[in-house]
Amino acid sequence: MRATVTAKGQVTVPKPIRDKLKLTPGDRVEFVLDSRDEVRVFPVRTSVRRLKGMVTKPPKPVALEQMDDAIAQAYARRR
């Protein structure tokens, strides 16, 4: 497969490759240049370990009804 580099240095990833790598708009890719000057492209996946600490444990147990209420309130604020 071939692609053209734009004046901005951008390349459209051909659809069969996007499908195979399960890439969607906004996904990031990593380019690796090997010892034979061949480029390999890898999807950048966020590891669970990197997400650790983003969500904290509530100070006390929360009932399901409380969670539902909090979700409804947050949704109402967005409208």
PDB file of N, CA and C in Angstrom:
ATOM      1  N   MET A   1       0.834  -1.173   0.000  1.00  0.00           N
ATOM      2  CA  MET A   1       0.000   0.000   0.000  1.00  0.00           C
ATOM      3  C   MET A   1       0.882   1.240   0.000  1.00  0.00           C
ATOM      4  N   ARG A   2       0.368   2.279  -0.612  1.00  0.00           N
ATOM      5  CA  ARG A   2       1.120   3.521  -0.700  1.00  0.00           C
ATOM      6  C   ARG A   2       0.275   4.677  -0.199  1.00  0.00           C
ATOM      7  N   ALA A   3       0.952   5.709   0.245  1.00  0.00           N
ATOM      8  CA  ALA A   3       0.291   6.935   0.680  1.00  0.00           C
ATOM      9  C   ALA A   3       1.188   8.102   0.302  1.00  0.00           C
ATOM     10  N   THR A   4       0.617   9.276   0.276  1.00  0.00           N
ATOM     11  CA  THR A   4       1.351  10.488  -0.080  1.00  0.00           C
ATOM     12  C   THR A   4       1.553  11.347   1.158  1.00  0.00           C
ATOM     13  N   VAL A   5       2.743  11.895   1.299  1.00  0.00           N
ATOM     14  CA  VAL A   5       3.043  12.803   2.404  1.00  0.00           C
ATOM     15  C   VAL A   5       2.623  14.208   1.977  1.00  0.00           C
ATOM     16  N   THR A   6       1.824  14.873   2.816  1.00  0.00           N
ATOM     17  CA  THR A   6       1.375  16.235   2.504  1.00  0.00           C
ATOM     18  C   THR A   6       2.478  17.240   2.831  1.00  0.00           C
ATOM     19  N   ALA A   7       2.247  18.496   2.469  1.00  0.00           N
ATOM     20  CA  ALA A   7       3.209  19.562   2.769  1.00  0.00           C
ATOM     21  C   ALA A   7       3.434  19.707   4.268  1.00  0.00           C
ATOM     22  N   LYS A   8       2.447  19.323   5.069  1.00  0.00           N
ATOM     23  CA  LYS A   8       2.571  19.382   6.530  1.00  0.00           C
ATOM     24  C   LYS A   8       3.216  18.121   7.106  1.00  0.00           C
ATOM     25  N   GLY A   9       3.593  17.184   6.257  1.00  0.00           N
ATOM     26  CA  GLY A   9       4.208  15.950   6.738  1.00  0.00           C
ATOM     27  C   GLY A   9       3.195  14.911   7.179  1.00  0.00           C
ATOM     28  N   GLN A  10       1.943  15.101   6.829  1.00  0.00           N
ATOM     29  CA  GLN A  10       0.893  14.170   7.238  1.00  0.00           C
ATOM     30  C   GLN A  10       0.707  13.074   6.199  1.00  0.00           C
ATOM     31  N   VAL A  11       0.313  11.901   6.691  1.00  0.00           N
ATOM     32  CA  VAL A  11       0.045  10.756   5.831  1.00  0.00           C
ATOM     33  C   VAL A  11      -1.274  10.146   6.278  1.00  0.00           C
ATOM     34  N   THR A  12      -2.127   9.811   5.326  1.00  0.00           N
ATOM     35  CA  THR A  12      -3.359   9.106   5.661  1.00  0.00           C
ATOM     36  C   THR A  12      -3.043   7.623   5.740  1.00  0.00           C
ATOM     37  N   VAL A  13      -3.367   7.019   6.882  1.00  0.00           N
ATOM     38  CA  VAL A  13      -3.142   5.583   7.057  1.00  0.00           C
ATOM     39  C   VAL A  13      -4.212   4.860   6.245  1.00  0.00           C
ATOM     40  N   PRO A  14      -3.812   3.980   5.323  1.00  0.00           N
ATOM     41  CA  PRO A  14      -4.795   3.278   4.504  1.00  0.00           C
ATOM     42  C   PRO A  14      -5.808   2.509   5.361  1.00  0.00           C
ATOM     43  N   LYS A  15      -7.052   2.468   4.891  1.00  0.00           N
ATOM     44  CA  LYS A  15      -8.137   1.849   5.645  1.00  0.00           C
ATOM     45  C   LYS A  15      -7.841   0.413   6.057  1.00  0.00           C
ATOM     46  N   PRO A  16      -7.296  -0.445   5.197  1.00  0.00           N
ATOM     47  CA  PRO A  16      -7.025  -1.820   5.652  1.00  0.00           C
ATOM     48  C   PRO A  16      -6.086  -1.866   6.864  1.00  0.00           C
ATOM     49  N   ILE A  17      -5.136  -0.932   6.920  1.00  0.00           N
ATOM     50  CA  ILE A  17      -4.213  -0.896   8.064  1.00  0.00           C
ATOM     51  C   ILE A  17      -4.929  -0.356   9.293  1.00  0.00           C
ATOM     52  N   ARG A  18      -5.735   0.706   9.112  1.00  0.00           N
ATOM     53  CA  ARG A  18      -6.517   1.229  10.250  1.00  0.00           C
ATOM     54  C   ARG A  18      -7.417   0.144  10.821  1.00  0.00           C
ATOM     55  N   ASP A  19      -8.044  -0.618   9.935  1.00  0.00           N
ATOM     56  CA  ASP A  19      -8.931  -1.700  10.391  1.00  0.00           C
ATOM     57  C   ASP A  19      -8.150  -2.773  11.138  1.00  0.00           C
ATOM     58  N   LYS A  20      -7.019  -3.182  10.589  1.00  0.00           N
ATOM     59  CA  LYS A  20      -6.210  -4.241  11.208  1.00  0.00           C
ATOM     60  C   LYS A  20      -5.701  -3.814  12.583  1.00  0.00           C
ATOM     61  N   LEU A  21      -5.287  -2.545  12.718  1.00  0.00           N
ATOM     62  CA  LEU A  21      -4.769  -2.041  13.992  1.00  0.00           C
ATOM     63  C   LEU A  21      -5.878  -1.520  14.904  1.00  0.00           C
ATOM     64  N   LYS A  22      -7.114  -1.575  14.402  1.00  0.00           N
ATOM     65  CA  LYS A  22      -8.283  -1.083  15.159  1.00  0.00           C
ATOM     66  C   LYS A  22      -8.104   0.387  15.551  1.00  0.00           C
ATOM     67  N   LEU A  23      -7.647   1.188  14.594  1.00  0.00           N
ATOM     68  CA  LEU A  23      -7.438   2.614  14.832  1.00  0.00           C
ATOM     69  C   LEU A  23      -8.718   3.386  14.544  1.00  0.00           C
ATOM     70  N   THR A  24      -9.004   4.344  15.395  1.00  0.00           N
ATOM     71  CA  THR A  24     -10.154   5.216  15.197  1.00  0.00           C
ATOM     72  C   THR A  24      -9.660   6.661  15.259  1.00  0.00           C
ATOM     73  N   PRO A  25     -10.456   7.617  14.764  1.00  0.00           N
ATOM     74  CA  PRO A  25     -10.015   9.015  14.797  1.00  0.00           C
ATOM     75  C   PRO A  25      -9.602   9.444  16.202  1.00  0.00           C
ATOM     76  N   GLY A  26      -8.459  10.100  16.279  1.00  0.00           N
ATOM     77  CA  GLY A  26      -7.937  10.556  17.567  1.00  0.00           C
ATOM     78  C   GLY A  26      -6.950   9.601  18.210  1.00  0.00           C
ATOM     79  N   ASP A  27      -6.895   8.349  17.726  1.00  0.00           N
ATOM     80  CA  ASP A  27      -5.923   7.397  18.272  1.00  0.00           C
ATOM     81  C   ASP A  27      -4.511   7.865  17.943  1.00  0.00           C
ATOM     82  N   ARG A  28      -3.579   7.429  18.749  1.00  0.00           N
ATOM     83  CA  ARG A  28      -2.172   7.776  18.538  1.00  0.00           C
ATOM     84  C   ARG A  28      -1.434   6.533  18.044  1.00  0.00           C
ATOM     85  N   VAL A  29      -0.403   6.762  17.232  1.00  0.00           N
ATOM     86  CA  VAL A  29       0.432   5.666  16.748  1.00  0.00           C
ATOM     87  C   VAL A  29       1.888   5.995  17.049  1.00  0.00           C
ATOM     88  N   GLU A  30       2.682   4.954  17.133  1.00  0.00           N
ATOM     89  CA  GLU A  30       4.122   5.113  17.368  1.00  0.00           C
ATOM     90  C   GLU A  30       4.854   4.574  16.153  1.00  0.00           C
ATOM     91  N   PHE A  31       5.840   5.339  15.676  1.00  0.00           N
ATOM     92  CA  PHE A  31       6.667   4.916  14.554  1.00  0.00           C
ATOM     93  C   PHE A  31       8.013   4.462  15.096  1.00  0.00           C
ATOM     94  N   VAL A  32       8.449   3.282  14.662  1.00  0.00           N
ATOM     95  CA  VAL A  32       9.739   2.745  15.091  1.00  0.00           C
ATOM     96  C   VAL A  32      10.568   2.475  13.841  1.00  0.00           C
ATOM     97  N   LEU A  33      11.760   3.064  13.800  1.00  0.00           N
ATOM     98  CA  LEU A  33      12.678   2.855  12.687  1.00  0.00           C
ATOM     99  C   LEU A  33      13.662   1.774  13.099  1.00  0.00           C
ATOM    100  N   ASP A  34      13.669   0.657  12.355  1.00  0.00           N
ATOM    101  CA  ASP A  34      14.546  -0.446  12.751  1.00  0.00           C
ATOM    102  C   ASP A  34      15.925  -0.313  12.109  1.00  0.00           C
ATOM    103  N   SER A  35      16.774  -1.286  12.360  1.00  0.00           N
ATOM    104  CA  SER A  35      18.169  -1.227  11.902  1.00  0.00           C
ATOM    105  C   SER A  35      18.296  -1.287  10.381  1.00  0.00           C
ATOM    106  N   ARG A  36      17.239  -1.722   9.696  1.00  0.00           N
ATOM    107  CA  ARG A  36      17.271  -1.777   8.230  1.00  0.00           C
ATOM    108  C   ARG A  36      16.563  -0.570   7.611  1.00  0.00           C
ATOM    109  N   ASP A  37      16.356   0.468   8.433  1.00  0.00           N
ATOM    110  CA  ASP A  37      15.657   1.681   7.991  1.00  0.00           C
ATOM    111  C   ASP A  37      14.237   1.394   7.516  1.00  0.00           C
ATOM    112  N   GLU A  38      13.625   0.387   8.099  1.00  0.00           N
ATOM    113  CA  GLU A  38      12.220   0.096   7.831  1.00  0.00           C
ATOM    114  C   GLU A  38      11.398   0.642   8.994  1.00  0.00           C
ATOM    115  N   VAL A  39      10.251   1.190   8.650  1.00  0.00           N
ATOM    116  CA  VAL A  39       9.388   1.794   9.662  1.00  0.00           C
ATOM    117  C   VAL A  39       8.291   0.814  10.051  1.00  0.00           C
ATOM    118  N   ARG A  40       8.111   0.681  11.350  1.00  0.00           N
ATOM    119  CA  ARG A  40       7.015  -0.135  11.877  1.00  0.00           C
ATOM    120  C   ARG A  40       6.075   0.809  12.607  1.00  0.00           C
ATOM    121  N   VAL A  41       4.789   0.572  12.479  1.00  0.00           N
ATOM    122  CA  VAL A  41       3.773   1.424  13.094  1.00  0.00           C
ATOM    123  C   VAL A  41       3.008   0.604  14.118  1.00  0.00           C
ATOM    124  N   PHE A  42       2.885   1.165  15.326  1.00  0.00           N
ATOM    125  CA  PHE A  42       2.184   0.480  16.407  1.00  0.00           C
ATOM    126  C   PHE A  42       1.121   1.404  16.989  1.00  0.00           C
ATOM    127  N   PRO A  43      -0.063   0.864  17.287  1.00  0.00           N
ATOM    128  CA  PRO A  43      -1.038   1.692  18.001  1.00  0.00           C
ATOM    129  C   PRO A  43      -0.551   1.926  19.424  1.00  0.00           C
ATOM    130  N   VAL A  44      -0.740   3.134  19.932  1.00  0.00           N
ATOM    131  CA  VAL A  44      -0.364   3.447  21.312  1.00  0.00           C
ATOM    132  C   VAL A  44      -1.570   3.131  22.178  1.00  0.00           C
ATOM    133  N   ARG A  45      -1.397   2.183  23.062  1.00  0.00           N
ATOM    134  CA  ARG A  45      -2.474   1.785  23.973  1.00  0.00           C
ATOM    135  C   ARG A  45      -2.089   2.234  25.372  1.00  0.00           C
ATOM    136  N   THR A  46      -3.036   2.795  26.086  1.00  0.00           N
ATOM    137  CA  THR A  46      -2.790   3.221  27.459  1.00  0.00           C
ATOM    138  C   THR A  46      -2.871   2.004  28.358  1.00  0.00           C
ATOM    139  N   SER A  47      -1.835   1.790  29.137  1.00  0.00           N
ATOM    140  CA  SER A  47      -1.848   0.646  30.039  1.00  0.00           C
ATOM    141  C   SER A  47      -2.664   0.978  31.279  1.00  0.00           C
ATOM    142  N   VAL A  48      -3.228  -0.031  31.868  1.00  0.00           N
ATOM    143  CA  VAL A  48      -4.010   0.132  33.087  1.00  0.00           C
ATOM    144  C   VAL A  48      -3.132   0.706  34.191  1.00  0.00           C
ATOM    145  N   ARG A  49      -1.886   0.317  34.226  1.00  0.00           N
ATOM    146  CA  ARG A  49      -0.974   0.823  35.260  1.00  0.00           C
ATOM    147  C   ARG A  49      -0.821   2.340  35.190  1.00  0.00           C
ATOM    148  N   ARG A  50      -0.835   2.902  33.981  1.00  0.00           N
ATOM    149  CA  ARG A  50      -0.703   4.357  33.843  1.00  0.00           C
ATOM    150  C   ARG A  50      -1.944   5.077  34.348  1.00  0.00           C
ATOM    151  N   LEU A  51      -3.078   4.380  34.374  1.00  0.00           N
ATOM    152  CA  LEU A  51      -4.325   4.991  34.829  1.00  0.00           C
ATOM    153  C   LEU A  51      -4.487   4.912  36.340  1.00  0.00           C
ATOM    154  N   LYS A  52      -3.620   4.136  36.990  1.00  0.00           N
ATOM    155  CA  LYS A  52      -3.726   3.948  38.433  1.00  0.00           C
ATOM    156  C   LYS A  52      -3.691   5.296  39.143  1.00  0.00           C
ATOM    157  N   GLY A  53      -4.597   5.455  40.075  1.00  0.00           N
ATOM    158  CA  GLY A  53      -4.655   6.672  40.857  1.00  0.00           C
ATOM    159  C   GLY A  53      -5.586   7.729  40.293  1.00  0.00           C
ATOM    160  N   MET A  54      -6.106   7.530  39.091  1.00  0.00           N
ATOM    161  CA  MET A  54      -7.022   8.510  38.522  1.00  0.00           C
ATOM    162  C   MET A  54      -8.365   8.498  39.246  1.00  0.00           C
ATOM    163  N   VAL A  55      -8.775   7.328  39.671  1.00  0.00           N
ATOM    164  CA  VAL A  55     -10.042   7.188  40.384  1.00  0.00           C
ATOM    165  C   VAL A  55      -9.709   6.773  41.806  1.00  0.00           C
ATOM    166  N   THR A  56     -10.185   7.550  42.741  1.00  0.00           N
ATOM    167  CA  THR A  56      -9.893   7.232  44.135  1.00  0.00           C
ATOM    168  C   THR A  56     -11.065   6.509  44.773  1.00  0.00           C
ATOM    169  N   LYS A  57     -10.769   5.767  45.794  1.00  0.00           N
ATOM    170  CA  LYS A  57     -11.787   5.044  46.541  1.00  0.00           C
ATOM    171  C   LYS A  57     -12.554   6.057  47.394  1.00  0.00           C
ATOM    172  N   PRO A  58     -13.897   5.964  47.408  1.00  0.00           N
ATOM    173  CA  PRO A  58     -14.648   6.902  48.241  1.00  0.00           C
ATOM    174  C   PRO A  58     -14.317   6.691  49.716  1.00  0.00           C
ATOM    175  N   PRO A  59     -14.359   7.765  50.526  1.00  0.00           N
ATOM    176  CA  PRO A  59     -13.999   7.645  51.938  1.00  0.00           C
ATOM    177  C   PRO A  59     -14.911   6.697  52.711  1.00  0.00           C
ATOM    178  N   LYS A  60     -16.148   6.549  52.247  1.00  0.00           N
ATOM    179  CA  LYS A  60     -17.066   5.608  52.893  1.00  0.00           C
ATOM    180  C   LYS A  60     -17.838   4.887  51.796  1.00  0.00           C
ATOM    181  N   PRO A  61     -18.384   3.707  52.092  1.00  0.00           N
ATOM    182  CA  PRO A  61     -19.132   2.967  51.072  1.00  0.00           C
ATOM    183  C   PRO A  61     -20.288   3.805  50.513  1.00  0.00           C
ATOM    184  N   VAL A  62     -20.558   3.607  49.227  1.00  0.00           N
ATOM    185  CA  VAL A  62     -21.621   4.350  48.554  1.00  0.00           C
ATOM    186  C   VAL A  62     -22.673   3.360  48.073  1.00  0.00           C
ATOM    187  N   ALA A  63     -23.929   3.650  48.384  1.00  0.00           N
ATOM    188  CA  ALA A  63     -25.031   2.783  47.958  1.00  0.00           C
ATOM    189  C   ALA A  63     -25.308   2.996  46.471  1.00  0.00           C
ATOM    190  N   LEU A  64     -25.887   2.002  45.846  1.00  0.00           N
ATOM    191  CA  LEU A  64     -26.212   2.069  44.429  1.00  0.00           C
ATOM    192  C   LEU A  64     -27.128   3.258  44.136  1.00  0.00           C
ATOM    193  N   GLU A  65     -28.082   3.507  45.017  1.00  0.00           N
ATOM    194  CA  GLU A  65     -28.994   4.636  44.824  1.00  0.00           C
ATOM    195  C   GLU A  65     -28.226   5.961  44.830  1.00  0.00           C
ATOM    196  N   GLN A  66     -27.221   6.069  45.696  1.00  0.00           N
ATOM    197  CA  GLN A  66     -26.413   7.288  45.748  1.00  0.00           C
ATOM    198  C   GLN A  66     -25.632   7.482  44.444  1.00  0.00           C
ATOM    199  N   MET A  67     -25.127   6.379  43.903  1.00  0.00           N
ATOM    200  CA  MET A  67     -24.410   6.467  42.628  1.00  0.00           C
ATOM    201  C   MET A  67     -25.356   6.912  41.522  1.00  0.00           C
ATOM    202  N   ASP A  68     -26.562   6.313  41.493  1.00  0.00           N
ATOM    203  CA  ASP A  68     -27.547   6.692  40.479  1.00  0.00           C
ATOM    204  C   ASP A  68     -27.903   8.172  40.589  1.00  0.00           C
ATOM    205  N   ASP A  69     -28.097   8.648  41.821  1.00  0.00           N
ATOM    206  CA  ASP A  69     -28.423  10.062  42.034  1.00  0.00           C
ATOM    207  C   ASP A  69     -27.286  10.965  41.551  1.00  0.00           C
ATOM    208  N   ALA A  70     -26.061  10.600  41.869  1.00  0.00           N
ATOM    209  CA  ALA A  70     -24.904  11.403  41.457  1.00  0.00           C
ATOM    210  C   ALA A  70     -24.795  11.457  39.935  1.00  0.00           C
ATOM    211  N   ILE A  71     -25.041  10.333  39.277  1.00  0.00           N
ATOM    212  CA  ILE A  71     -24.991  10.289  37.810  1.00  0.00           C
ATOM    213  C   ILE A  71     -26.080  11.179  37.231  1.00  0.00           C
ATOM    214  N   ALA A  72     -27.298  11.086  37.786  1.00  0.00           N
ATOM    215  CA  ALA A  72     -28.417  11.894  37.297  1.00  0.00           C
ATOM    216  C   ALA A  72     -28.129  13.382  37.485  1.00  0.00           C
ATOM    217  N   GLN A  73     -27.555  13.750  38.622  1.00  0.00           N
ATOM    218  CA  GLN A  73     -27.239  15.156  38.882  1.00  0.00           C
ATOM    219  C   GLN A  73     -26.172  15.668  37.913  1.00  0.00           C
ATOM    220  N   ALA A  74     -25.163  14.858  37.679  1.00  0.00           N
ATOM    221  CA  ALA A  74     -24.103  15.263  36.748  1.00  0.00           C
ATOM    222  C   ALA A  74     -24.666  15.421  35.339  1.00  0.00           C
ATOM    223  N   TYR A  75     -25.550  14.515  34.954  1.00  0.00           N
ATOM    224  CA  TYR A  75     -26.172  14.590  33.630  1.00  0.00           C
ATOM    225  C   TYR A  75     -27.019  15.855  33.521  1.00  0.00           C
ATOM    226  N   ALA A  76     -27.786  16.163  34.578  1.00  0.00           N
ATOM    227  CA  ALA A  76     -28.653  17.343  34.568  1.00  0.00           C
ATOM    228  C   ALA A  76     -27.826  18.625  34.451  1.00  0.00           C
ATOM    229  N   ARG A  77     -26.651  18.663  35.072  1.00  0.00           N
ATOM    230  CA  ARG A  77     -25.795  19.852  34.993  1.00  0.00           C
ATOM    231  C   ARG A  77     -25.284  20.086  33.574  1.00  0.00           C
ATOM    232  N   ARG A  78     -25.140  19.030  32.810  1.00  0.00           N
ATOM    233  CA  ARG A  78     -24.610  19.156  31.444  1.00  0.00           C
ATOM    234  C   ARG A  78     -25.665  19.673  30.474  1.00  0.00           C
ATOM    235  N   ARG A  79     -26.914  19.566  30.814  1.00  0.00           N
ATOM    236  CA  ARG A  79     -27.998  19.954  29.894  1.00  0.00           C
ATOM    237  C   ARG A  79     -28.279  21.398  29.941  1.00  0.00           C
TER     238      ARG A  79
END
